[in-house]
């Protein structure tokens, strides 16, 4: 599989197809970033992430989501996207005492 830095999900994306891509990248790398703009795209991405969990669960992969905001430029206009880091909790090291809930004061991904 070619290295993918970012999966861009739109309102018209097929959640099962995106889920397959997420699962494949999680197997290969252990994490993937998913980027969306708008509520409908976010809905499709979250469905895809939920579906991908079922694709990789039997392999001991336990995906978790870390959301953040990302300022991007589309056609010369500034927009704010939501970027979701999906990573395998089973292999991602967490420092002792690390906060597991998103920290609102944390910088964007």
PDB file of N, CA and C in Angstrom:
ATOM      1  N   UNK A   1       0.853  -1.181   0.000  1.00  0.00           N
ATOM      2  CA  UNK A   1       0.000   0.000   0.000  1.00  0.00           C
ATOM      3  C   UNK A   1       0.895   1.238   0.000  1.00  0.00           C
ATOM      4  N   UNK A   2       0.570   2.212  -0.839  1.00  0.00           N
ATOM      5  CA  UNK A   2       1.341   3.450  -0.879  1.00  0.00           C
ATOM      6  C   UNK A   2       1.134   4.234   0.408  1.00  0.00           C
ATOM      7  N   UNK A   3       2.154   4.967   0.795  1.00  0.00           N
ATOM      8  CA  UNK A   3       2.076   5.747   2.027  1.00  0.00           C
ATOM      9  C   UNK A   3       1.067   6.883   1.860  1.00  0.00           C
ATOM     10  N   UNK A   4       0.126   6.966   2.776  1.00  0.00           N
ATOM     11  CA  UNK A   4      -0.904   8.000   2.745  1.00  0.00           C
ATOM     12  C   UNK A   4      -0.738   8.860   3.987  1.00  0.00           C
ATOM     13  N   UNK A   5      -0.554  10.168   3.782  1.00  0.00           N
ATOM     14  CA  UNK A   5      -0.391  11.065   4.913  1.00  0.00           C
ATOM     15  C   UNK A   5      -1.730  11.517   5.475  1.00  0.00           C
ATOM     16  N   UNK A   6      -2.745  11.602   4.613  1.00  0.00           N
ATOM     17  CA  UNK A   6      -4.006  12.185   5.019  1.00  0.00           C
ATOM     18  C   UNK A   6      -5.138  11.616   4.174  1.00  0.00           C
ATOM     19  N   UNK A   7      -6.202  11.170   4.835  1.00  0.00           N
ATOM     20  CA  UNK A   7      -7.419  10.758   4.126  1.00  0.00           C
ATOM     21  C   UNK A   7      -8.404  11.921   4.203  1.00  0.00           C
ATOM     22  N   UNK A   8      -8.818  12.409   3.048  1.00  0.00           N
ATOM     23  CA  UNK A   8      -9.804  13.489   3.007  1.00  0.00           C
ATOM     24  C   UNK A   8     -11.161  12.858   2.737  1.00  0.00           C
ATOM     25  N   UNK A   9     -12.092  13.104   3.651  1.00  0.00           N
ATOM     26  CA  UNK A   9     -13.428  12.519   3.558  1.00  0.00           C
ATOM     27  C   UNK A   9     -14.427  13.638   3.266  1.00  0.00           C
ATOM     28  N   UNK A  10     -15.300  13.407   2.291  1.00  0.00           N
ATOM     29  CA  UNK A  10     -16.317  14.391   1.940  1.00  0.00           C
ATOM     30  C   UNK A  10     -17.699  13.851   2.296  1.00  0.00           C
ATOM     31  N   UNK A  11     -18.699  14.693   2.106  1.00  0.00           N
ATOM     32  CA  UNK A  11     -20.073  14.295   2.395  1.00  0.00           C
ATOM     33  C   UNK A  11     -20.506  13.132   1.504  1.00  0.00           C
ATOM     34  N   UNK A  12     -19.904  13.007   0.321  1.00  0.00           N
ATOM     35  CA  UNK A  12     -20.273  11.951  -0.602  1.00  0.00           C
ATOM     36  C   UNK A  12     -19.424  10.691  -0.502  1.00  0.00           C
ATOM     37  N   UNK A  13     -18.485  10.666   0.437  1.00  0.00           N
ATOM     38  CA  UNK A  13     -17.618   9.490   0.591  1.00  0.00           C
ATOM     39  C   UNK A  13     -18.407   8.285   1.060  1.00  0.00           C
ATOM     40  N   UNK A  14     -18.020   7.114   0.568  1.00  0.00           N
ATOM     41  CA  UNK A  14     -18.646   5.860   0.978  1.00  0.00           C
ATOM     42  C   UNK A  14     -17.969   5.392   2.272  1.00  0.00           C
ATOM     43  N   UNK A  15     -18.695   5.325   3.398  1.00  0.00           N
ATOM     44  CA  UNK A  15     -18.085   4.961   4.679  1.00  0.00           C
ATOM     45  C   UNK A  15     -17.377   3.604   4.668  1.00  0.00           C
ATOM     46  N   UNK A  16     -17.920   2.619   3.946  1.00  0.00           N
ATOM     47  CA  UNK A  16     -17.268   1.299   3.916  1.00  0.00           C
ATOM     48  C   UNK A  16     -15.934   1.359   3.171  1.00  0.00           C
ATOM     49  N   UNK A  17     -15.875   2.142   2.107  1.00  0.00           N
ATOM     50  CA  UNK A  17     -14.619   2.294   1.372  1.00  0.00           C
ATOM     51  C   UNK A  17     -13.579   3.018   2.215  1.00  0.00           C
ATOM     52  N   UNK A  18     -14.000   4.081   2.876  1.00  0.00           N
ATOM     53  CA  UNK A  18     -13.093   4.829   3.744  1.00  0.00           C
ATOM     54  C   UNK A  18     -12.641   3.936   4.899  1.00  0.00           C
ATOM     55  N   UNK A  19     -13.558   3.139   5.442  1.00  0.00           N
ATOM     56  CA  UNK A  19     -13.218   2.228   6.537  1.00  0.00           C
ATOM     57  C   UNK A  19     -12.140   1.240   6.107  1.00  0.00           C
ATOM     58  N   UNK A  20     -12.237   0.736   4.884  1.00  0.00           N
ATOM     59  CA  UNK A  20     -11.222  -0.173   4.374  1.00  0.00           C
ATOM     60  C   UNK A  20      -9.860   0.500   4.290  1.00  0.00           C
ATOM     61  N   UNK A  21      -9.844   1.753   3.842  1.00  0.00           N
ATOM     62  CA  UNK A  21      -8.589   2.498   3.760  1.00  0.00           C
ATOM     63  C   UNK A  21      -8.017   2.739   5.153  1.00  0.00           C
ATOM     64  N   UNK A  22      -8.868   3.133   6.092  1.00  0.00           N
ATOM     65  CA  UNK A  22      -8.417   3.361   7.473  1.00  0.00           C
ATOM     66  C   UNK A  22      -7.831   2.073   8.046  1.00  0.00           C
ATOM     67  N   UNK A  23      -8.538   0.967   7.872  1.00  0.00           N
ATOM     68  CA  UNK A  23      -8.079  -0.315   8.406  1.00  0.00           C
ATOM     69  C   UNK A  23      -6.728  -0.706   7.815  1.00  0.00           C
ATOM     70  N   UNK A  24      -6.574  -0.532   6.510  1.00  0.00           N
ATOM     71  CA  UNK A  24      -5.319  -0.884   5.865  1.00  0.00           C
ATOM     72  C   UNK A  24      -4.149  -0.060   6.364  1.00  0.00           C
ATOM     73  N   UNK A  25      -4.377   1.229   6.530  1.00  0.00           N
ATOM     74  CA  UNK A  25      -3.303   2.104   7.004  1.00  0.00           C
ATOM     75  C   UNK A  25      -2.994   1.823   8.468  1.00  0.00           C
ATOM     76  N   UNK A  26      -4.021   1.554   9.276  1.00  0.00           N
ATOM     77  CA  UNK A  26      -3.778   1.199  10.679  1.00  0.00           C
ATOM     78  C   UNK A  26      -2.930  -0.068  10.775  1.00  0.00           C
ATOM     79  N   UNK A  27      -3.216  -1.042   9.932  1.00  0.00           N
ATOM     80  CA  UNK A  27      -2.434  -2.282   9.935  1.00  0.00           C
ATOM     81  C   UNK A  27      -0.972  -2.010   9.568  1.00  0.00           C
ATOM     82  N   UNK A  28      -0.783  -1.133   8.593  1.00  0.00           N
ATOM     83  CA  UNK A  28       0.555  -0.850   8.081  1.00  0.00           C
ATOM     84  C   UNK A  28       1.360   0.063   9.000  1.00  0.00           C
ATOM     85  N   UNK A  29       0.740   1.149   9.462  1.00  0.00           N
ATOM     86  CA  UNK A  29       1.469   2.202  10.152  1.00  0.00           C
ATOM     87  C   UNK A  29       1.083   2.363  11.625  1.00  0.00           C
ATOM     88  N   UNK A  30      -0.161   1.995  11.975  1.00  0.00           N
ATOM     89  CA  UNK A  30      -0.610   2.165  13.354  1.00  0.00           C
ATOM     90  C   UNK A  30      -1.367   3.453  13.606  1.00  0.00           C
ATOM     91  N   UNK A  31      -1.399   4.356  12.612  1.00  0.00           N
ATOM     92  CA  UNK A  31      -2.160   5.604  12.744  1.00  0.00           C
ATOM     93  C   UNK A  31      -2.465   6.166  11.358  1.00  0.00           C
ATOM     94  N   UNK A  32      -3.492   7.011  11.299  1.00  0.00           N
ATOM     95  CA  UNK A  32      -3.848   7.719  10.072  1.00  0.00           C
ATOM     96  C   UNK A  32      -4.587   9.001  10.461  1.00  0.00           C
ATOM     97  N   UNK A  33      -4.398  10.065   9.681  1.00  0.00           N
ATOM     98  CA  UNK A  33      -5.145  11.307   9.875  1.00  0.00           C
ATOM     99  C   UNK A  33      -6.283  11.364   8.867  1.00  0.00           C
ATOM    100  N   UNK A  34      -7.463  11.728   9.359  1.00  0.00           N
ATOM    101  CA  UNK A  34      -8.659  11.865   8.535  1.00  0.00           C
ATOM    102  C   UNK A  34      -9.083  13.328   8.619  1.00  0.00           C
ATOM    103  N   UNK A  35      -9.289  13.966   7.469  1.00  0.00           N
ATOM    104  CA  UNK A  35      -9.655  15.388   7.450  1.00  0.00           C
ATOM    105  C   UNK A  35     -11.028  15.571   6.834  1.00  0.00           C
ATOM    106  N   UNK A  36     -11.851  16.430   7.464  1.00  0.00           N
ATOM    107  CA  UNK A  36     -13.194  16.709   6.974  1.00  0.00           C
ATOM    108  C   UNK A  36     -13.470  18.206   7.056  1.00  0.00           C
ATOM    109  N   UNK A  37     -14.391  18.643   6.216  1.00  0.00           N
ATOM    110  CA  UNK A  37     -14.914  20.008   6.296  1.00  0.00           C
ATOM    111  C   UNK A  37     -16.427  19.887   6.236  1.00  0.00           C
ATOM    112  N   UNK A  38     -17.094  20.296   7.293  1.00  0.00           N
ATOM    113  CA  UNK A  38     -18.550  20.275   7.319  1.00  0.00           C
ATOM    114  C   UNK A  38     -19.130  19.092   8.066  1.00  0.00           C
ATOM    115  N   UNK A  39     -20.359  19.295   8.495  1.00  0.00           N
ATOM    116  CA  UNK A  39     -21.039  18.302   9.323  1.00  0.00           C
ATOM    117  C   UNK A  39     -21.304  16.989   8.578  1.00  0.00           C
ATOM    118  N   UNK A  40     -21.702  17.065   7.322  1.00  0.00           N
ATOM    119  CA  UNK A  40     -22.004  15.843   6.571  1.00  0.00           C
ATOM    120  C   UNK A  40     -20.740  15.010   6.357  1.00  0.00           C
ATOM    121  N   UNK A  41     -19.623  15.672   6.087  1.00  0.00           N
ATOM    122  CA  UNK A  41     -18.347  14.960   5.915  1.00  0.00           C
ATOM    123  C   UNK A  41     -17.908  14.341   7.234  1.00  0.00           C
ATOM    124  N   UNK A  42     -18.099  15.062   8.326  1.00  0.00           N
ATOM    125  CA  UNK A  42     -17.753  14.529   9.649  1.00  0.00           C
ATOM    126  C   UNK A  42     -18.590  13.288   9.950  1.00  0.00           C
ATOM    127  N   UNK A  43     -19.858  13.317   9.592  1.00  0.00           N
ATOM    128  CA  UNK A  43     -20.739  12.168   9.794  1.00  0.00           C
ATOM    129  C   UNK A  43     -20.217  10.944   9.035  1.00  0.00           C
ATOM    130  N   UNK A  44     -19.835  11.133   7.765  1.00  0.00           N
ATOM    131  CA  UNK A  44     -19.317  10.015   6.974  1.00  0.00           C
ATOM    132  C   UNK A  44     -18.012   9.485   7.563  1.00  0.00           C
ATOM    133  N   UNK A  45     -17.149  10.382   8.017  1.00  0.00           N
ATOM    134  CA  UNK A  45     -15.865   9.962   8.596  1.00  0.00           C
ATOM    135  C   UNK A  45     -16.073   9.169   9.878  1.00  0.00           C
ATOM    136  N   UNK A  46     -16.979   9.612  10.725  1.00  0.00           N
ATOM    137  CA  UNK A  46     -17.199   8.899  11.989  1.00  0.00           C
ATOM    138  C   UNK A  46     -17.812   7.528  11.738  1.00  0.00           C
ATOM    139  N   UNK A  47     -18.708   7.427  10.752  1.00  0.00           N
ATOM    140  CA  UNK A  47     -19.240   6.112  10.395  1.00  0.00           C
ATOM    141  C   UNK A  47     -18.115   5.208   9.907  1.00  0.00           C
ATOM    142  N   UNK A  48     -17.224   5.758   9.087  1.00  0.00           N
ATOM    143  CA  UNK A  48     -16.103   4.977   8.556  1.00  0.00           C
ATOM    144  C   UNK A  48     -15.172   4.514   9.676  1.00  0.00           C
ATOM    145  N   UNK A  49     -14.900   5.370  10.634  1.00  0.00           N
ATOM    146  CA  UNK A  49     -14.028   4.996  11.750  1.00  0.00           C
ATOM    147  C   UNK A  49     -14.683   3.882  12.568  1.00  0.00           C
ATOM    148  N   UNK A  50     -15.982   4.004  12.813  1.00  0.00           N
ATOM    149  CA  UNK A  50     -16.693   2.964  13.567  1.00  0.00           C
ATOM    150  C   UNK A  50     -16.660   1.632  12.812  1.00  0.00           C
ATOM    151  N   UNK A  51     -16.863   1.668  11.509  1.00  0.00           N
ATOM    152  CA  UNK A  51     -16.825   0.441  10.707  1.00  0.00           C
ATOM    153  C   UNK A  51     -15.417  -0.152  10.719  1.00  0.00           C
ATOM    154  N   UNK A  52     -14.403   0.704  10.614  1.00  0.00           N
ATOM    155  CA  UNK A  52     -13.027   0.208  10.573  1.00  0.00           C
ATOM    156  C   UNK A  52     -12.654  -0.544  11.846  1.00  0.00           C
ATOM    157  N   UNK A  53     -13.234  -0.145  12.976  1.00  0.00           N
ATOM    158  CA  UNK A  53     -12.971  -0.862  14.235  1.00  0.00           C
ATOM    159  C   UNK A  53     -13.339  -2.341  14.086  1.00  0.00           C
ATOM    160  N   UNK A  54     -14.463  -2.605  13.440  1.00  0.00           N
ATOM    161  CA  UNK A  54     -14.876  -4.008  13.280  1.00  0.00           C
ATOM    162  C   UNK A  54     -13.958  -4.748  12.309  1.00  0.00           C
ATOM    163  N   UNK A  55     -13.343  -4.045  11.375  1.00  0.00           N
ATOM    164  CA  UNK A  55     -12.439  -4.681  10.414  1.00  0.00           C
ATOM    165  C   UNK A  55     -11.129  -5.133  11.060  1.00  0.00           C
ATOM    166  N   UNK A  56     -10.675  -4.422  12.106  1.00  0.00           N
ATOM    167  CA  UNK A  56      -9.345  -4.705  12.666  1.00  0.00           C
ATOM    168  C   UNK A  56      -9.367  -5.290  14.073  1.00  0.00           C
ATOM    169  N   UNK A  57     -10.522  -5.371  14.684  1.00  0.00           N
ATOM    170  CA  UNK A  57     -10.621  -5.824  16.079  1.00  0.00           C
ATOM    171  C   UNK A  57     -10.048  -7.224  16.281  1.00  0.00           C
ATOM    172  N   UNK A  58     -10.313  -8.123  15.354  1.00  0.00           N
ATOM    173  CA  UNK A  58      -9.847  -9.507  15.516  1.00  0.00           C
ATOM    174  C   UNK A  58      -8.326  -9.624  15.426  1.00  0.00           C
ATOM    175  N   UNK A  59      -7.666  -8.549  14.947  1.00  0.00           N
ATOM    176  CA  UNK A  59      -6.203  -8.539  14.837  1.00  0.00           C
ATOM    177  C   UNK A  59      -5.543  -7.887  16.050  1.00  0.00           C
ATOM    178  N   UNK A  60      -6.356  -7.522  17.055  1.00  0.00           N
ATOM    179  CA  UNK A  60      -5.821  -6.891  18.254  1.00  0.00           C
ATOM    180  C   UNK A  60      -5.579  -5.403  18.105  1.00  0.00           C
ATOM    181  N   UNK A  61      -6.104  -4.811  17.044  1.00  0.00           N
ATOM    182  CA  UNK A  61      -5.966  -3.362  16.839  1.00  0.00           C
ATOM    183  C   UNK A  61      -7.177  -2.685  17.470  1.00  0.00           C
ATOM    184  N   UNK A  62      -6.913  -1.680  18.306  1.00  0.00           N
ATOM    185  CA  UNK A  62      -7.962  -0.973  19.041  1.00  0.00           C
ATOM    186  C   UNK A  62      -7.898   0.513  18.689  1.00  0.00           C
ATOM    187  N   UNK A  63      -8.590   0.939  17.603  1.00  0.00           N
ATOM    188  CA  UNK A  63      -8.504   2.336  17.164  1.00  0.00           C
ATOM    189  C   UNK A  63      -9.161   3.302  18.145  1.00  0.00           C
ATOM    190  N   UNK A  64      -8.493   4.431  18.331  1.00  0.00           N
ATOM    191  CA  UNK A  64      -9.053   5.542  19.095  1.00  0.00           C
ATOM    192  C   UNK A  64      -8.945   6.802  18.250  1.00  0.00           C
ATOM    193  N   UNK A  65      -9.721   7.838  18.586  1.00  0.00           N
ATOM    194  CA  UNK A  65      -9.744   9.088  17.825  1.00  0.00           C
ATOM    195  C   UNK A  65      -9.264  10.249  18.676  1.00  0.00           C
ATOM    196  N   UNK A  66      -8.463  11.113  18.061  1.00  0.00           N
ATOM    197  CA  UNK A  66      -8.015  12.340  18.703  1.00  0.00           C
ATOM    198  C   UNK A  66      -8.346  13.478  17.734  1.00  0.00           C
ATOM    199  N   UNK A  67      -9.414  14.244  18.017  1.00  0.00           N
ATOM    200  CA  UNK A  67      -9.816  15.307  17.088  1.00  0.00           C
ATOM    201  C   UNK A  67      -9.054  16.605  17.334  1.00  0.00           C
ATOM    202  N   UNK A  68      -8.948  17.388  16.272  1.00  0.00           N
ATOM    203  CA  UNK A  68      -8.339  18.709  16.372  1.00  0.00           C
ATOM    204  C   UNK A  68      -8.781  19.560  15.190  1.00  0.00           C
ATOM    205  N   UNK A  69      -8.454  20.849  15.245  1.00  0.00           N
ATOM    206  CA  UNK A  69      -8.787  21.757  14.161  1.00  0.00           C
ATOM    207  C   UNK A  69      -7.548  22.027  13.325  1.00  0.00           C
ATOM    208  N   UNK A  70      -7.761  22.290  12.029  1.00  0.00           N
ATOM    209  CA  UNK A  70      -6.665  22.589  11.120  1.00  0.00           C
ATOM    210  C   UNK A  70      -7.104  23.707  10.191  1.00  0.00           C
ATOM    211  N   UNK A  71      -6.357  24.792  10.150  1.00  0.00           N
ATOM    212  CA  UNK A  71      -6.634  25.869   9.201  1.00  0.00           C
ATOM    213  C   UNK A  71      -6.057  25.467   7.856  1.00  0.00           C
ATOM    214  N   UNK A  72      -6.894  25.548   6.813  1.00  0.00           N
ATOM    215  CA  UNK A  72      -6.456  25.170   5.477  1.00  0.00           C
ATOM    216  C   UNK A  72      -6.875  26.238   4.480  1.00  0.00           C
ATOM    217  N   UNK A  73      -6.306  26.181   3.290  1.00  0.00           N
ATOM    218  CA  UNK A  73      -6.620  27.127   2.233  1.00  0.00           C
ATOM    219  C   UNK A  73      -7.272  26.357   1.085  1.00  0.00           C
ATOM    220  N   UNK A  74      -8.455  26.800   0.679  1.00  0.00           N
ATOM    221  CA  UNK A  74      -9.146  26.191  -0.458  1.00  0.00           C
ATOM    222  C   UNK A  74      -9.477  27.304  -1.438  1.00  0.00           C
ATOM    223  N   UNK A  75      -8.830  27.279  -2.571  1.00  0.00           N
ATOM    224  CA  UNK A  75      -9.089  28.297  -3.591  1.00  0.00           C
ATOM    225  C   UNK A  75      -8.854  29.710  -3.113  1.00  0.00           C
ATOM    226  N   UNK A  76      -7.842  29.902  -2.306  1.00  0.00           N
ATOM    227  CA  UNK A  76      -7.520  31.232  -1.803  1.00  0.00           C
ATOM    228  C   UNK A  76      -8.337  31.673  -0.603  1.00  0.00           C
ATOM    229  N   UNK A  77      -9.238  30.818  -0.145  1.00  0.00           N
ATOM    230  CA  UNK A  77     -10.058  31.147   1.020  1.00  0.00           C
ATOM    231  C   UNK A  77      -9.644  30.286   2.201  1.00  0.00           C
ATOM    232  N   UNK A  78      -9.527  30.914   3.360  1.00  0.00           N
ATOM    233  CA  UNK A  78      -9.205  30.183   4.577  1.00  0.00           C
ATOM    234  C   UNK A  78     -10.421  29.436   5.103  1.00  0.00           C
ATOM    235  N   UNK A  79     -10.223  28.184   5.460  1.00  0.00           N
ATOM    236  CA  UNK A  79     -11.287  27.360   6.027  1.00  0.00           C
ATOM    237  C   UNK A  79     -10.729  26.641   7.245  1.00  0.00           C
ATOM    238  N   UNK A  80     -11.623  26.191   8.089  1.00  0.00           N
ATOM    239  CA  UNK A  80     -11.216  25.383   9.231  1.00  0.00           C
ATOM    240  C   UNK A  80     -11.728  23.969   9.022  1.00  0.00           C
ATOM    241  N   UNK A  81     -10.811  23.030   9.034  1.00  0.00           N
ATOM    242  CA  UNK A  81     -11.164  21.627   8.884  1.00  0.00           C
ATOM    243  C   UNK A  81     -11.049  20.954  10.244  1.00  0.00           C
ATOM    244  N   UNK A  82     -11.706  19.828  10.371  1.00  0.00           N
ATOM    245  CA  UNK A  82     -11.493  18.973  11.534  1.00  0.00           C
ATOM    246  C   UNK A  82     -10.579  17.859  11.078  1.00  0.00           C
ATOM    247  N   UNK A  83      -9.499  17.667  11.819  1.00  0.00           N
ATOM    248  CA  UNK A  83      -8.568  16.582  11.521  1.00  0.00           C
ATOM    249  C   UNK A  83      -8.636  15.599  12.683  1.00  0.00           C
ATOM    250  N   UNK A  84      -8.871  14.341  12.358  1.00  0.00           N
ATOM    251  CA  UNK A  84      -9.019  13.295  13.361  1.00  0.00           C
ATOM    252  C   UNK A  84      -7.852  12.331  13.223  1.00  0.00           C
ATOM    253  N   UNK A  85      -7.035  12.248  14.265  1.00  0.00           N
ATOM    254  CA  UNK A  85      -5.960  11.249  14.282  1.00  0.00           C
ATOM    255  C   UNK A  85      -6.583   9.950  14.780  1.00  0.00           C
ATOM    256  N   UNK A  86      -6.513   8.905  13.974  1.00  0.00           N
ATOM    257  CA  UNK A  86      -6.992   7.584  14.354  1.00  0.00           C
ATOM    258  C   UNK A  86      -5.739   6.757  14.585  1.00  0.00           C
ATOM    259  N   UNK A  87      -5.577   6.266  15.796  1.00  0.00           N
ATOM    260  CA  UNK A  87      -4.383   5.486  16.108  1.00  0.00           C
ATOM    261  C   UNK A  87      -4.745   4.236  16.881  1.00  0.00           C
ATOM    262  N   UNK A  88      -3.821   3.312  16.883  1.00  0.00           N
ATOM    263  CA  UNK A  88      -4.016   2.044  17.563  1.00  0.00           C
ATOM    264  C   UNK A  88      -3.625   2.196  19.030  1.00  0.00           C
ATOM    265  N   UNK A  89      -4.608   2.190  19.906  1.00  0.00           N
ATOM    266  CA  UNK A  89      -4.354   2.327  21.331  1.00  0.00           C
ATOM    267  C   UNK A  89      -3.483   1.181  21.850  1.00  0.00           C
ATOM    268  N   UNK A  90      -3.585   0.021  21.228  1.00  0.00           N
ATOM    269  CA  UNK A  90      -2.859  -1.157  21.697  1.00  0.00           C
ATOM    270  C   UNK A  90      -1.348  -1.013  21.573  1.00  0.00           C
ATOM    271  N   UNK A  91      -0.855  -0.167  20.638  1.00  0.00           N
ATOM    272  CA  UNK A  91       0.595  -0.029  20.476  1.00  0.00           C
ATOM    273  C   UNK A  91       1.102   1.379  20.693  1.00  0.00           C
ATOM    274  N   UNK A  92       0.214   2.357  20.815  1.00  0.00           N
ATOM    275  CA  UNK A  92       0.646   3.723  21.009  1.00  0.00           C
ATOM    276  C   UNK A  92       1.022   3.923  22.466  1.00  0.00           C
ATOM    277  N   UNK A  93       2.306   4.186  22.734  1.00  0.00           N
ATOM    278  CA  UNK A  93       2.721   4.351  24.126  1.00  0.00           C
ATOM    279  C   UNK A  93       2.118   5.606  24.743  1.00  0.00           C
ATOM    280  N   UNK A  94       1.672   5.489  25.959  1.00  0.00           N
ATOM    281  CA  UNK A  94       1.127   6.616  26.718  1.00  0.00           C
ATOM    282  C   UNK A  94       1.999   6.818  27.947  1.00  0.00           C
ATOM    283  N   UNK A  95       2.486   8.033  28.145  1.00  0.00           N
ATOM    284  CA  UNK A  95       3.283   8.281  29.341  1.00  0.00           C
ATOM    285  C   UNK A  95       2.449   8.083  30.602  1.00  0.00           C
ATOM    286  N   UNK A  96       3.114   7.689  31.679  1.00  0.00           N
ATOM    287  CA  UNK A  96       2.416   7.512  32.957  1.00  0.00           C
ATOM    288  C   UNK A  96       1.735   8.819  33.336  1.00  0.00           C
ATOM    289  N   UNK A  97       0.471   8.723  33.741  1.00  0.00           N
ATOM    290  CA  UNK A  97      -0.278   9.907  34.160  1.00  0.00           C
ATOM    291  C   UNK A  97      -0.820  10.725  33.010  1.00  0.00           C
ATOM    292  N   UNK A  98      -0.736  10.219  31.774  1.00  0.00           N
ATOM    293  CA  UNK A  98      -1.220  10.973  30.620  1.00  0.00           C
ATOM    294  C   UNK A  98      -2.730  11.107  30.686  1.00  0.00           C
ATOM    295  N   UNK A  99      -3.211  12.254  30.227  1.00  0.00           N
ATOM    296  CA  UNK A  99      -4.640  12.496  30.172  1.00  0.00           C
ATOM    297  C   UNK A  99      -5.190  11.736  28.977  1.00  0.00           C
ATOM    298  N   UNK A 100      -6.269  10.990  29.166  1.00  0.00           N
ATOM    299  CA  UNK A 100      -6.829  10.201  28.075  1.00  0.00           C
ATOM    300  C   UNK A 100      -7.931  10.943  27.345  1.00  0.00           C
ATOM    301  N   UNK A 101      -8.559  11.939  27.975  1.00  0.00           N
ATOM    302  CA  UNK A 101      -9.589  12.722  27.311  1.00  0.00           C
ATOM    303  C   UNK A 101      -8.935  13.866  26.573  1.00  0.00           C
ATOM    304  N   UNK A 102      -9.544  14.326  25.450  1.00  0.00           N
ATOM    305  CA  UNK A 102      -8.967  15.457  24.726  1.00  0.00           C
ATOM    306  C   UNK A 102      -8.839  16.671  25.626  1.00  0.00           C
ATOM    307  N   UNK A 103      -7.719  17.370  25.488  1.00  0.00           N
ATOM    308  CA  UNK A 103      -7.435  18.569  26.272  1.00  0.00           C
ATOM    309  C   UNK A 103      -7.762  19.777  25.409  1.00  0.00           C
ATOM    310  N   UNK A 104      -8.752  20.570  25.809  1.00  0.00           N
ATOM    311  CA  UNK A 104      -9.196  21.704  25.026  1.00  0.00           C
ATOM    312  C   UNK A 104      -8.086  22.730  24.827  1.00  0.00           C
ATOM    313  N   UNK A 105      -7.099  22.769  25.704  1.00  0.00           N
ATOM    314  CA  UNK A 105      -6.023  23.750  25.565  1.00  0.00           C
ATOM    315  C   UNK A 105      -4.871  23.233  24.719  1.00  0.00           C
ATOM    316  N   UNK A 106      -4.955  21.992  24.259  1.00  0.00           N
ATOM    317  CA  UNK A 106      -3.866  21.408  23.469  1.00  0.00           C
ATOM    318  C   UNK A 106      -3.820  22.063  22.085  1.00  0.00           C
ATOM    319  N   UNK A 107      -2.621  22.182  21.503  1.00  0.00           N
ATOM    320  CA  UNK A 107      -2.522  22.758  20.162  1.00  0.00           C
ATOM    321  C   UNK A 107      -3.114  21.809  19.138  1.00  0.00           C
ATOM    322  N   UNK A 108      -3.472  22.345  17.949  1.00  0.00           N
ATOM    323  CA  UNK A 108      -4.038  21.478  16.913  1.00  0.00           C
ATOM    324  C   UNK A 108      -3.034  20.441  16.459  1.00  0.00           C
ATOM    325  N   UNK A 109      -3.530  19.365  15.854  1.00  0.00           N
ATOM    326  CA  UNK A 109      -2.661  18.293  15.360  1.00  0.00           C
ATOM    327  C   UNK A 109      -1.732  18.817  14.301  1.00  0.00           C
TER     328      UNK A 109
END
